[in-house]
Amino acid sequence: MQSFRMHEYVRIGTAEEVLSARDGWIADGSALFESLQLPFQLDAANDAFSGRAGQLKASIQRERNLKIELLVPMTNEAEPTSCASFNYAEDHFTSAWGIVGQDGSKAMTGCVGFGLERTTMALFRHHGRDPSVWPAGVRAVLSG
């Protein structure tokens, strides 16, 4: 589960616009996983940084609630697997690339990413290997 593909959306705008988009993504992502009848929890997270500076970055990321993951139990309940991530990068990327708003104001970014293989594995783990016997509601969501 260390290598995976993601389907990702990015939002660029003011802090308020990006955070509002992230809140919507969290609500929509939660609703999707509920409709797939998958158990999940949301939790503050951090990217995998290394070294002493990395530990500080990770701590700041958690303290500022910049990264929230949607976690599904797969191999064990104690360590659920991240199947989606909702991030607020502030001006980290826009400053690096010189991106500003139309009025010249500071632009912010946020993104949502859904792990495709991880979500598929969660479906198999919780509903079995034969999709024809999955709950009717789950099959309806996936076929529609």
Foldseek 3Di string as FASTA:
>chain_A
DPDFDKDKDKDKDDPVVAVVVLVVVVVVVVVLCVLLVFDWDKAQFADDADDPVRVVRRVVSRVVSFKIFIFGQAPDPVDTDGFKMKGWAQQPPCVVVVDADPVRHRMTMIMMIGTDVVVVSSSCRVQNDDVVRGPPSNVVVVVD
